[in-house]
C-alpha atoms as a PDB file:
ATOM      1  CA  MET A   1      13.348   2.015 -25.291  1.00  0.00           C
ATOM      2  CA  GLU A   2      11.516  -1.222 -26.085  1.00  0.00           C
ATOM      3  CA  GLU A   3      12.952  -4.646 -25.316  1.00  0.00           C
ATOM      4  CA  LYS A   4      13.287  -5.545 -28.996  1.00  0.00           C
ATOM      5  CA  GLU A   5      15.392  -2.472 -29.751  1.00  0.00           C
ATOM      6  CA  LEU A   6      17.494  -2.967 -26.615  1.00  0.00           C
ATOM      7  CA  LEU A   7      18.163  -6.557 -27.656  1.00  0.00           C
ATOM      8  CA  THR A   8      19.232  -5.533 -31.151  1.00  0.00           C
ATOM      9  CA  ARG A   9      21.606  -2.947 -29.709  1.00  0.00           C
ATOM     10  CA  ALA A  10      22.916  -5.302 -27.008  1.00  0.00           C
ATOM     11  CA  LYS A  11      23.655  -8.002 -29.581  1.00  0.00           C
ATOM     12  CA  ALA A  12      25.574  -5.384 -31.587  1.00  0.00           C
ATOM     13  CA  GLY A  13      27.782  -4.710 -28.560  1.00  0.00           C
ATOM     14  CA  ASP A  14      26.003  -1.769 -26.891  1.00  0.00           C
ATOM     15  CA  LYS A  15      26.853  -2.180 -23.192  1.00  0.00           C
ATOM     16  CA  ARG A  16      24.263   0.365 -22.058  1.00  0.00           C
ATOM     17  CA  ALA A  17      21.482  -1.505 -23.828  1.00  0.00           C
ATOM     18  CA  LEU A  18      22.615  -4.786 -22.268  1.00  0.00           C
ATOM     19  CA  SER A  19      22.818  -3.153 -18.849  1.00  0.00           C
ATOM     20  CA  SER A  20      19.315  -1.759 -19.292  1.00  0.00           C
ATOM     21  CA  LEU A  21      17.943  -5.194 -20.267  1.00  0.00           C
ATOM     22  CA  ILE A  22      19.507  -6.805 -17.214  1.00  0.00           C
ATOM     23  CA  GLU A  23      18.254  -4.027 -14.959  1.00  0.00           C
ATOM     24  CA  GLN A  24      14.689  -4.412 -16.296  1.00  0.00           C
ATOM     25  CA  ASN A  25      14.683  -8.176 -15.683  1.00  0.00           C
ATOM     26  CA  TYR A  26      16.821  -8.398 -12.532  1.00  0.00           C
ATOM     27  CA  ARG A  27      13.995  -8.428  -9.998  1.00  0.00           C
ATOM     28  CA  THR A  28      12.024 -11.146 -11.790  1.00  0.00           C
ATOM     29  CA  LEU A  29      15.110 -13.323 -12.235  1.00  0.00           C
ATOM     30  CA  ASN A  30      16.278 -12.817  -8.653  1.00  0.00           C
ATOM     31  CA  GLY A  31      12.831 -13.623  -7.232  1.00  0.00           C
ATOM     32  CA  PHE A  32      12.581 -16.766  -9.328  1.00  0.00           C
ATOM     33  CA  ILE A  33      16.038 -17.966  -8.283  1.00  0.00           C
ATOM     34  CA  ILE A  34      15.301 -17.359  -4.588  1.00  0.00           C
ATOM     35  CA  LYS A  35      12.112 -19.419  -4.879  1.00  0.00           C
ATOM     36  CA  LEU A  36      13.962 -22.104  -6.826  1.00  0.00           C
ATOM     37  CA  THR A  37      16.907 -22.523  -4.452  1.00  0.00           C
ATOM     38  CA  GLY A  38      15.514 -21.324  -1.134  1.00  0.00           C
ATOM     39  CA  GLU A  39      19.026 -20.423   0.014  1.00  0.00           C
ATOM     40  CA  THR A  40      20.526 -16.936   0.065  1.00  0.00           C
ATOM     41  CA  TYR A  41      24.118 -17.857  -0.781  1.00  0.00           C
ATOM     42  CA  LEU A  42      23.160 -20.359  -3.428  1.00  0.00           C
ATOM     43  CA  SER A  43      20.709 -17.929  -5.023  1.00  0.00           C
ATOM     44  CA  GLU A  44      23.364 -15.180  -5.123  1.00  0.00           C
ATOM     45  CA  ASP A  45      25.851 -17.519  -6.813  1.00  0.00           C
ATOM     46  CA  LEU A  46      23.292 -18.795  -9.292  1.00  0.00           C
ATOM     47  CA  LEU A  47      22.128 -15.256 -10.086  1.00  0.00           C
ATOM     48  CA  GLN A  48      25.700 -14.124 -10.808  1.00  0.00           C
ATOM     49  CA  GLU A  49      26.427 -17.165 -12.961  1.00  0.00           C
ATOM     50  CA  THR A  50      23.177 -16.703 -14.873  1.00  0.00           C
ATOM     51  CA  LEU A  51      23.894 -13.050 -15.605  1.00  0.00           C
ATOM     52  CA  MET A  52      27.485 -13.800 -16.636  1.00  0.00           C
ATOM     53  CA  LYS A  53      26.334 -16.532 -18.990  1.00  0.00           C
ATOM     54  CA  ALA A  54      23.675 -14.214 -20.459  1.00  0.00           C
ATOM     55  CA  ILE A  55      26.201 -11.417 -20.983  1.00  0.00           C
ATOM     56  CA  ILE A  56      28.724 -13.744 -22.606  1.00  0.00           C
ATOM     57  CA  ASN A  57      26.100 -15.388 -24.830  1.00  0.00           C
ATOM     58  CA  ILE A  58      23.887 -12.391 -25.669  1.00  0.00           C
ATOM     59  CA  LYS A  59      24.696 -12.764 -29.366  1.00  0.00           C
ATOM     60  CA  SER A  60      23.230 -16.279 -29.346  1.00  0.00           C
ATOM     61  CA  TYR A  61      19.843 -15.053 -28.052  1.00  0.00           C
ATOM     62  CA  LYS A  62      17.414 -15.862 -30.879  1.00  0.00           C
ATOM     63  CA  GLY A  63      14.467 -13.742 -29.788  1.00  0.00           C
ATOM     64  CA  GLU A  64      12.000 -16.637 -29.839  1.00  0.00           C
ATOM     65  CA  SER A  65      10.829 -15.727 -26.335  1.00  0.00           C
ATOM     66  CA  LYS A  66      10.917 -12.798 -23.939  1.00  0.00           C
ATOM     67  CA  PHE A  67      14.348 -11.915 -22.574  1.00  0.00           C
ATOM     68  CA  SER A  68      13.184 -12.811 -19.047  1.00  0.00           C
ATOM     69  CA  THR A  69      12.179 -16.269 -20.305  1.00  0.00           C
ATOM     70  CA  TRP A  70      15.659 -16.745 -21.764  1.00  0.00           C
ATOM     71  CA  LEU A  71      17.274 -15.669 -18.468  1.00  0.00           C
ATOM     72  CA  ILE A  72      15.107 -18.070 -16.463  1.00  0.00           C
ATOM     73  CA  LYS A  73      15.951 -20.892 -18.860  1.00  0.00           C
ATOM     74  CA  ILE A  74      19.669 -20.194 -18.347  1.00  0.00           C
ATOM     75  CA  ALA A  75      19.172 -20.191 -14.566  1.00  0.00           C
ATOM     76  CA  LEU A  76      17.242 -23.478 -14.690  1.00  0.00           C
ATOM     77  CA  ASN A  77      19.896 -25.149 -16.825  1.00  0.00           C
ATOM     78  CA  LEU A  78      22.688 -23.971 -14.519  1.00  0.00           C
ATOM     79  CA  TYR A  79      20.734 -25.090 -11.475  1.00  0.00           C
ATOM     80  CA  ARG A  80      19.903 -28.459 -12.992  1.00  0.00           C
ATOM     81  CA  ASN A  81      23.510 -29.060 -14.069  1.00  0.00           C
ATOM     82  CA  ASN A  82      25.417 -27.633 -11.112  1.00  0.00           C
ATOM     83  CA  TYR A  83      23.309 -27.013  -8.051  1.00  0.00           C
ATOM     84  CA  ASN A  84      20.511 -29.541  -7.921  1.00  0.00           C
ATOM     85  CA  ARG A  85      22.216 -31.632  -5.261  1.00  0.00           C
ATOM     86  CA  GLN A  86      19.460 -31.108  -2.744  1.00  0.00           C
ATOM     87  CA  LYS A  87      16.350 -33.261  -2.778  1.00  0.00           C
ATOM     88  CA  LYS A  88      14.219 -30.596  -1.136  1.00  0.00           C
ATOM     89  CA  ILE A  89      14.139 -26.852  -1.586  1.00  0.00           C
ATOM     90  CA  LYS A  90      13.446 -24.460   1.244  1.00  0.00           C
ATOM     91  CA  PHE A  91      11.256 -21.433   0.645  1.00  0.00           C
ATOM     92  CA  ASP A  92      12.146 -19.339   3.703  1.00  0.00           C
ATOM     93  CA  GLU A  93      12.636 -16.056   1.912  1.00  0.00           C
ATOM     94  CA  LEU A  94       9.265 -14.635   0.984  1.00  0.00           C
ATOM     95  CA  SER A  95       9.124 -10.965   0.187  1.00  0.00           C
ATOM     96  CA  ASP A  96       6.057  -8.866   0.814  1.00  0.00           C
ATOM     97  CA  ASP A  97       5.454  -8.547  -2.919  1.00  0.00           C
ATOM     98  CA  SER A  98       5.563 -12.305  -3.573  1.00  0.00           C
ATOM     99  CA  PHE A  99       1.894 -12.718  -2.796  1.00  0.00           C
ATOM    100  CA  VAL A 100      -1.303 -11.039  -3.842  1.00  0.00           C
ATOM    101  CA  SER A 101      -3.451  -9.634  -1.087  1.00  0.00           C
ATOM    102  CA  ASN A 102      -7.179  -9.982  -1.570  1.00  0.00           C
ATOM    103  CA  GLY A 103      -7.943  -6.970   0.586  1.00  0.00           C
ATOM    104  CA  SER A 104      -6.441  -3.895   2.148  1.00  0.00           C
ATOM    105  CA  GLU A 105      -6.897  -5.001   5.748  1.00  0.00           C
ATOM    106  CA  VAL A 106      -3.818  -6.066   7.694  1.00  0.00           C
ATOM    107  CA  GLU A 107      -5.528  -9.311   8.719  1.00  0.00           C
ATOM    108  CA  ASP A 108      -6.253 -10.165   5.088  1.00  0.00           C
ATOM    109  CA  LYS A 109      -2.622  -9.545   4.175  1.00  0.00           C
ATOM    110  CA  ILE A 110      -1.364 -11.723   7.008  1.00  0.00           C
ATOM    111  CA  GLU A 111      -3.798 -14.506   6.110  1.00  0.00           C
ATOM    112  CA  ALA A 112      -2.799 -14.325   2.445  1.00  0.00           C
ATOM    113  CA  LYS A 113       0.899 -14.479   3.320  1.00  0.00           C
ATOM    114  CA  LEU A 114       0.331 -17.458   5.631  1.00  0.00           C
ATOM    115  CA  GLN A 115      -1.524 -19.260   2.839  1.00  0.00           C
ATOM    116  CA  VAL A 116       1.298 -18.554   0.380  1.00  0.00           C
ATOM    117  CA  GLU A 117       3.883 -19.772   2.900  1.00  0.00           C
ATOM    118  CA  GLU A 118       1.896 -22.970   3.414  1.00  0.00           C
ATOM    119  CA  VAL A 119       1.673 -23.605  -0.340  1.00  0.00           C
ATOM    120  CA  LEU A 120       5.413 -22.982  -0.749  1.00  0.00           C
ATOM    121  CA  LYS A 121       6.119 -25.319   2.152  1.00  0.00           C
ATOM    122  CA  GLU A 122       4.055 -28.077   0.545  1.00  0.00           C
ATOM    123  CA  LEU A 123       5.732 -27.476  -2.830  1.00  0.00           C
ATOM    124  CA  GLN A 124       8.971 -28.700  -1.218  1.00  0.00           C
ATOM    125  CA  THR A 125       7.573 -32.217  -1.196  1.00  0.00           C
ATOM    126  CA  LEU A 126       6.875 -32.260  -4.940  1.00  0.00           C
ATOM    127  CA  SER A 127       9.245 -33.204  -7.752  1.00  0.00           C
ATOM    128  CA  TYR A 128      11.541 -30.575  -9.257  1.00  0.00           C
ATOM    129  CA  GLU A 129       9.557 -30.492 -12.523  1.00  0.00           C
ATOM    130  CA  LYS A 130       6.203 -29.987 -10.829  1.00  0.00           C
ATOM    131  CA  ARG A 131       7.586 -27.368  -8.435  1.00  0.00           C
ATOM    132  CA  VAL A 132       9.239 -25.277 -11.173  1.00  0.00           C
ATOM    133  CA  THR A 133       6.211 -25.540 -13.477  1.00  0.00           C
ATOM    134  CA  PHE A 134       3.888 -24.392 -10.676  1.00  0.00           C
ATOM    135  CA  ILE A 135       6.150 -21.458  -9.702  1.00  0.00           C
ATOM    136  CA  LEU A 136       6.499 -20.274 -13.310  1.00  0.00           C
ATOM    137  CA  LYS A 137       2.732 -20.415 -13.898  1.00  0.00           C
ATOM    138  CA  HIS A 138       1.274 -19.207 -10.617  1.00  0.00           C
ATOM    139  CA  TYR A 139       3.929 -16.834  -9.280  1.00  0.00           C
ATOM    140  CA  TYR A 140       5.245 -15.361 -12.524  1.00  0.00           C
ATOM    141  CA  GLY A 141       2.275 -15.770 -14.861  1.00  0.00           C
ATOM    142  CA  TYR A 142       4.122 -17.454 -17.711  1.00  0.00           C
ATOM    143  CA  SER A 143       1.961 -18.983 -20.436  1.00  0.00           C
ATOM    144  CA  LEU A 144       1.928 -22.722 -21.105  1.00  0.00           C
ATOM    145  CA  GLU A 145       3.945 -22.123 -24.275  1.00  0.00           C
ATOM    146  CA  GLU A 146       6.592 -20.124 -22.389  1.00  0.00           C
ATOM    147  CA  ILE A 147       6.848 -22.756 -19.650  1.00  0.00           C
ATOM    148  CA  SER A 148       7.126 -25.436 -22.324  1.00  0.00           C
ATOM    149  CA  ASN A 149      10.007 -23.501 -23.877  1.00  0.00           C
ATOM    150  CA  ILE A 150      11.768 -22.969 -20.536  1.00  0.00           C
ATOM    151  CA  MET A 151      11.356 -26.565 -19.364  1.00  0.00           C
ATOM    152  CA  GLY A 152      12.068 -28.126 -22.760  1.00  0.00           C
ATOM    153  CA  CYS A 153       8.913 -30.237 -22.863  1.00  0.00           C
ATOM    154  CA  ALA A 154       5.581 -30.325 -24.690  1.00  0.00           C
ATOM    155  CA  GLU A 155       2.706 -28.025 -23.687  1.00  0.00           C
ATOM    156  CA  GLY A 156       0.650 -31.111 -22.877  1.00  0.00           C
ATOM    157  CA  THR A 157       3.293 -32.133 -20.357  1.00  0.00           C
ATOM    158  CA  VAL A 158       3.117 -28.674 -18.767  1.00  0.00           C
ATOM    159  CA  LYS A 159      -0.695 -28.929 -18.524  1.00  0.00           C
ATOM    160  CA  SER A 160      -0.418 -32.384 -17.018  1.00  0.00           C
ATOM    161  CA  ARG A 161       2.178 -31.264 -14.460  1.00  0.00           C
ATOM    162  CA  LEU A 162       0.059 -28.287 -13.438  1.00  0.00           C
ATOM    163  CA  HIS A 163      -3.072 -30.407 -13.146  1.00  0.00           C
ATOM    164  CA  ASN A 164      -1.303 -33.089 -11.106  1.00  0.00           C
ATOM    165  CA  THR A 165       0.422 -30.518  -8.892  1.00  0.00           C
ATOM    166  CA  ILE A 166      -2.850 -28.795  -8.045  1.00  0.00           C
ATOM    167  CA  LYS A 167      -4.478 -32.173  -7.417  1.00  0.00           C
ATOM    168  CA  GLU A 168      -1.614 -33.186  -5.085  1.00  0.00           C
ATOM    169  CA  LEU A 169      -1.683 -29.846  -3.241  1.00  0.00           C
ATOM    170  CA  LYS A 170      -5.458 -30.105  -2.724  1.00  0.00           C
ATOM    171  CA  SER A 171      -5.012 -33.616  -1.385  1.00  0.00           C
ATOM    172  CA  MET A 172      -2.244 -32.469   0.976  1.00  0.00           C
ATOM    173  CA  PHE A 173      -4.368 -29.652   2.341  1.00  0.00           C
ATOM    174  CA  LYS A 174      -7.436 -31.884   2.736  1.00  0.00           C
ATOM    175  CA  SER A 175      -5.435 -34.393   4.766  1.00  0.00           C
ATOM    176  CA  LYS A 176      -4.037 -31.563   6.914  1.00  0.00           C
ATOM    177  CA  GLU A 177      -7.556 -30.292   7.630  1.00  0.00           C
ATOM    178  CA  VAL A 178      -8.659 -33.783   8.641  1.00  0.00           C
ATOM    179  CA  SER A 179      -5.673 -34.232  10.969  1.00  0.00           C
ATOM    180  CA  ILE A 180      -6.286 -30.804  12.558  1.00  0.00           C
ATOM    181  CA  TYR A 181      -9.921 -31.699  13.304  1.00  0.00           C
ATOM    182  CA  GLU A 182      -8.914 -35.098  14.694  1.00  0.00           C
ATOM    183  CA  LYS A 183      -6.611 -33.420  17.245  1.00  0.00           C
ATOM    184  CA  GLU A 184      -9.367 -31.197  18.626  1.00  0.00           C
END
């Protein structure tokens, strides 16, 4: 059954349709929340609260975006309002499927994972807005319009955040390379 039909049925009170929608989007939502919080217990709590809020408010879903986008927006709002007490976010929990390998060799996979871990580590130093925008675009493939909708800002702001984030990350990595060569 397609998402649109499931949503229509879920909004009409069909529990199976709602369960199916949640099941289809669970992995994406869970992965996003883990990357957002960086803490197992916090991510579990936030995931449960997000799903409860979605279930309770399913009738208010307007269908202006994908269901997964709506779920992520709920999670971000809950996080922003209730959990964003930390200045930095840890990204210790990387799953094997959270990165794209550029080859089938074990060495390539290890190198790719190390690069992803390094990027996630550097993302900790960036502002909340830049970090979330980068994760939504580069880890989940959301469009600028979808990110704009989730973050509640203009598309131009999203573009600017992405541009500045990439610029900052490049600068961070350049300075790391210089300091590595200076030590040798």
